[in-house]
Amino acid sequence: MQNVRGGCLCGELTFEYTPPSLWCAHCHCTLCQRAHGAPLVTWVGVSEACFRLTQEDTLTWYRSSADSERGFCTGCGSTLFFRSERWPGQVHIVRSNIEGEIDVQPSAHVYWDNHARWFEFEDDLSRE
């Protein structure tokens, strides 16, 4: 399978990874909601060993909690990445910043207890 590519809004921060993707899920935690200004963020987990930054001059990491950080572009403000001691060896990528189709679809809603009550969800995915 071909490498998957993506990048930020301004194009100054780009990446690629070699499938397979590990998982894909919709996150409803309050940190994701605030970091993205959205009711949820869809993440794709990939092996750190298969992930590569192809253009990274504008990448900055922000420590959003004691064991986690979020990678964003200082040029346009796009938040693209998440990594945490809770998931060693993984990089989580915002699905919207990946170009085209990938090998997995969202399989769950996580941190469902924090979901935005004003946003309707009509799917059969598990709510964890």
C-alpha atoms as a PDB file:
ATOM      1  CA  MET A   1       0.000   0.000   0.000  1.00  0.00           C
ATOM      2  CA  GLN A   2       1.194   3.533  -0.757  1.00  0.00           C
ATOM      3  CA  ASN A   3       2.233   5.989   1.919  1.00  0.00           C
ATOM      4  CA  VAL A   4      -0.478   8.208   3.353  1.00  0.00           C
ATOM      5  CA  ARG A   5       0.243  11.942   3.237  1.00  0.00           C
ATOM      6  CA  GLY A   6      -1.127  15.069   4.814  1.00  0.00           C
ATOM      7  CA  GLY A   7      -0.417  18.486   6.192  1.00  0.00           C
ATOM      8  CA  CYS A   8      -1.647  21.657   7.812  1.00  0.00           C
ATOM      9  CA  LEU A   9      -3.815  24.442   6.380  1.00  0.00           C
ATOM     10  CA  CYS A  10      -0.906  26.589   5.120  1.00  0.00           C
ATOM     11  CA  GLY A  11       1.110  23.603   3.813  1.00  0.00           C
ATOM     12  CA  GLU A  12       4.249  24.405   5.804  1.00  0.00           C
ATOM     13  CA  LEU A  13       3.923  21.291   7.980  1.00  0.00           C
ATOM     14  CA  THR A  14       3.631  17.978   6.135  1.00  0.00           C
ATOM     15  CA  PHE A  15       3.888  14.309   7.045  1.00  0.00           C
ATOM     16  CA  GLU A  16       3.500  10.797   5.731  1.00  0.00           C
ATOM     17  CA  TYR A  17       3.120   7.334   7.153  1.00  0.00           C
ATOM     18  CA  THR A  18       3.205   3.795   5.897  1.00  0.00           C
ATOM     19  CA  PRO A  19      -0.005   1.825   6.577  1.00  0.00           C
ATOM     20  CA  PRO A  20      -1.483  -0.043   8.225  1.00  0.00           C
ATOM     21  CA  SER A  21      -3.167   2.497  10.456  1.00  0.00           C
ATOM     22  CA  LEU A  22      -3.620   1.143  13.990  1.00  0.00           C
ATOM     23  CA  TRP A  23      -7.121   2.531  14.640  1.00  0.00           C
ATOM     24  CA  CYS A  24      -9.466   5.471  14.042  1.00  0.00           C
ATOM     25  CA  ALA A  25     -11.912   6.980  16.565  1.00  0.00           C
ATOM     26  CA  HIS A  26     -13.907  10.104  17.361  1.00  0.00           C
ATOM     27  CA  CYS A  27     -12.669  11.780  20.567  1.00  0.00           C
ATOM     28  CA  HIS A  28     -15.050  13.858  22.671  1.00  0.00           C
ATOM     29  CA  CYS A  29     -12.684  14.844  25.507  1.00  0.00           C
ATOM     30  CA  THR A  30     -12.785  18.462  26.591  1.00  0.00           C
ATOM     31  CA  LEU A  31      -9.112  18.983  25.726  1.00  0.00           C
ATOM     32  CA  CYS A  32      -9.731  17.977  22.094  1.00  0.00           C
ATOM     33  CA  GLN A  33     -12.854  20.126  21.975  1.00  0.00           C
ATOM     34  CA  ARG A  34     -10.918  23.169  23.179  1.00  0.00           C
ATOM     35  CA  ALA A  35      -7.791  22.548  21.102  1.00  0.00           C
ATOM     36  CA  HIS A  36      -9.822  22.262  17.894  1.00  0.00           C
ATOM     37  CA  GLY A  37     -12.849  24.440  18.633  1.00  0.00           C
ATOM     38  CA  ALA A  38     -15.105  21.558  17.624  1.00  0.00           C
ATOM     39  CA  PRO A  39     -17.483  19.093  19.295  1.00  0.00           C
ATOM     40  CA  LEU A  40     -15.145  16.194  18.513  1.00  0.00           C
ATOM     41  CA  VAL A  41     -11.901  15.301  16.773  1.00  0.00           C
ATOM     42  CA  THR A  42     -11.405  12.196  14.670  1.00  0.00           C
ATOM     43  CA  TRP A  43      -7.958  10.697  15.269  1.00  0.00           C
ATOM     44  CA  VAL A  44      -5.981   8.045  13.422  1.00  0.00           C
ATOM     45  CA  GLY A  45      -3.382   6.119  15.397  1.00  0.00           C
ATOM     46  CA  VAL A  46      -0.191   5.128  13.603  1.00  0.00           C
ATOM     47  CA  SER A  47       3.037   3.466  14.629  1.00  0.00           C
ATOM     48  CA  GLU A  48       5.762   5.997  15.378  1.00  0.00           C
ATOM     49  CA  ALA A  49       8.152   3.768  13.410  1.00  0.00           C
ATOM     50  CA  CYS A  50       6.003   4.204  10.266  1.00  0.00           C
ATOM     51  CA  PHE A  51       5.505   7.984  10.671  1.00  0.00           C
ATOM     52  CA  ARG A  52       7.717  10.695   9.164  1.00  0.00           C
ATOM     53  CA  LEU A  53       7.585  14.475   9.123  1.00  0.00           C
ATOM     54  CA  THR A  54       8.411  15.625   5.591  1.00  0.00           C
ATOM     55  CA  GLN A  55       8.368  19.345   6.372  1.00  0.00           C
ATOM     56  CA  GLU A  56       8.525  20.420   9.990  1.00  0.00           C
ATOM     57  CA  ASP A  57       9.910  23.950  10.326  1.00  0.00           C
ATOM     58  CA  THR A  58       6.634  25.252  11.776  1.00  0.00           C
ATOM     59  CA  LEU A  59       5.946  22.332  14.165  1.00  0.00           C
ATOM     60  CA  THR A  60       5.611  23.148  17.856  1.00  0.00           C
ATOM     61  CA  TRP A  61       4.565  20.802  20.632  1.00  0.00           C
ATOM     62  CA  TYR A  62       2.275  22.012  23.414  1.00  0.00           C
ATOM     63  CA  ARG A  63       2.075  20.019  26.663  1.00  0.00           C
ATOM     64  CA  SER A  64      -1.698  19.782  27.153  1.00  0.00           C
ATOM     65  CA  SER A  65      -1.545  17.513  30.214  1.00  0.00           C
ATOM     66  CA  ALA A  66       1.061  15.906  32.446  1.00  0.00           C
ATOM     67  CA  ASP A  67       1.634  12.958  30.083  1.00  0.00           C
ATOM     68  CA  SER A  68       0.498  14.278  26.693  1.00  0.00           C
ATOM     69  CA  GLU A  69       1.302  16.873  24.067  1.00  0.00           C
ATOM     70  CA  ARG A  70      -0.240  18.225  20.886  1.00  0.00           C
ATOM     71  CA  GLY A  71       1.675  19.171  17.764  1.00  0.00           C
ATOM     72  CA  PHE A  72       0.566  22.227  15.816  1.00  0.00           C
ATOM     73  CA  CYS A  73       1.720  24.521  13.028  1.00  0.00           C
ATOM     74  CA  THR A  74       2.929  27.928  14.204  1.00  0.00           C
ATOM     75  CA  GLY A  75       2.181  29.339  10.739  1.00  0.00           C
ATOM     76  CA  CYS A  76      -1.555  28.660  10.486  1.00  0.00           C
ATOM     77  CA  GLY A  77      -2.433  27.262  13.923  1.00  0.00           C
ATOM     78  CA  SER A  78      -3.606  23.845  12.709  1.00  0.00           C
ATOM     79  CA  THR A  79      -3.421  21.168  15.416  1.00  0.00           C
ATOM     80  CA  LEU A  80      -2.358  17.948  13.696  1.00  0.00           C
ATOM     81  CA  PHE A  81      -0.774  15.544  16.175  1.00  0.00           C
ATOM     82  CA  PHE A  82      -1.137  14.054  19.623  1.00  0.00           C
ATOM     83  CA  ARG A  83       1.257  11.835  21.543  1.00  0.00           C
ATOM     84  CA  SER A  84       1.115  10.517  25.068  1.00  0.00           C
ATOM     85  CA  GLU A  85       2.938   8.287  27.501  1.00  0.00           C
ATOM     86  CA  ARG A  86      -0.371   6.371  27.698  1.00  0.00           C
ATOM     87  CA  TRP A  87       0.162   5.137  24.106  1.00  0.00           C
ATOM     88  CA  PRO A  88       3.926   4.669  23.714  1.00  0.00           C
ATOM     89  CA  GLY A  89       5.160   4.157  20.180  1.00  0.00           C
ATOM     90  CA  GLN A  90       2.104   5.808  18.621  1.00  0.00           C
ATOM     91  CA  VAL A  91       1.454   9.138  16.929  1.00  0.00           C
ATOM     92  CA  HIS A  92      -2.165  10.227  16.636  1.00  0.00           C
ATOM     93  CA  ILE A  93      -3.010  12.279  13.555  1.00  0.00           C
ATOM     94  CA  VAL A  94      -6.115  14.395  13.006  1.00  0.00           C
ATOM     95  CA  ARG A  95      -8.069  12.578  10.275  1.00  0.00           C
ATOM     96  CA  SER A  96      -9.077  15.855   8.580  1.00  0.00           C
ATOM     97  CA  ASN A  97      -5.421  16.648   7.903  1.00  0.00           C
ATOM     98  CA  ILE A  98      -4.857  13.389   6.007  1.00  0.00           C
ATOM     99  CA  GLU A  99      -5.284  13.508   2.235  1.00  0.00           C
ATOM    100  CA  GLY A 100      -7.749  11.090   0.657  1.00  0.00           C
ATOM    101  CA  GLU A 101      -8.922   7.688   1.810  1.00  0.00           C
ATOM    102  CA  ILE A 102      -7.158   5.529   4.380  1.00  0.00           C
ATOM    103  CA  ASP A 103      -7.320   1.882   5.402  1.00  0.00           C
ATOM    104  CA  VAL A 104      -9.548   2.320   8.486  1.00  0.00           C
ATOM    105  CA  GLN A 105     -12.818   4.002   9.370  1.00  0.00           C
ATOM    106  CA  PRO A 106     -13.837   5.364  12.775  1.00  0.00           C
ATOM    107  CA  SER A 107     -14.776   2.484  15.067  1.00  0.00           C
ATOM    108  CA  ALA A 108     -15.876   4.256  18.254  1.00  0.00           C
ATOM    109  CA  HIS A 109     -16.742   7.447  20.094  1.00  0.00           C
ATOM    110  CA  VAL A 110     -14.323   7.824  23.024  1.00  0.00           C
ATOM    111  CA  TYR A 111     -14.744  10.046  26.089  1.00  0.00           C
ATOM    112  CA  TRP A 112     -18.444   9.977  25.252  1.00  0.00           C
ATOM    113  CA  ASP A 113     -19.395  11.291  28.705  1.00  0.00           C
ATOM    114  CA  ASN A 114     -18.021  14.669  27.574  1.00  0.00           C
ATOM    115  CA  HIS A 115     -19.789  14.800  24.214  1.00  0.00           C
ATOM    116  CA  ALA A 116     -21.379  18.090  23.156  1.00  0.00           C
ATOM    117  CA  ARG A 117     -25.052  17.711  23.967  1.00  0.00           C
ATOM    118  CA  TRP A 118     -25.928  20.227  21.232  1.00  0.00           C
ATOM    119  CA  PHE A 119     -24.443  18.076  18.431  1.00  0.00           C
ATOM    120  CA  GLU A 120     -26.463  15.109  17.133  1.00  0.00           C
ATOM    121  CA  PHE A 121     -24.839  11.743  16.382  1.00  0.00           C
ATOM    122  CA  GLU A 122     -26.723   9.155  14.355  1.00  0.00           C
ATOM    123  CA  ASP A 123     -24.376   6.234  13.970  1.00  0.00           C
ATOM    124  CA  ASP A 124     -24.071   2.782  15.479  1.00  0.00           C
ATOM    125  CA  LEU A 125     -20.482   3.137  16.730  1.00  0.00           C
ATOM    126  CA  SER A 126     -19.732   2.171  20.318  1.00  0.00           C
ATOM    127  CA  ARG A 127     -19.755   4.984  22.851  1.00  0.00           C
ATOM    128  CA  GLU A 128     -16.975   4.525  25.378  1.00  0.00           C
END
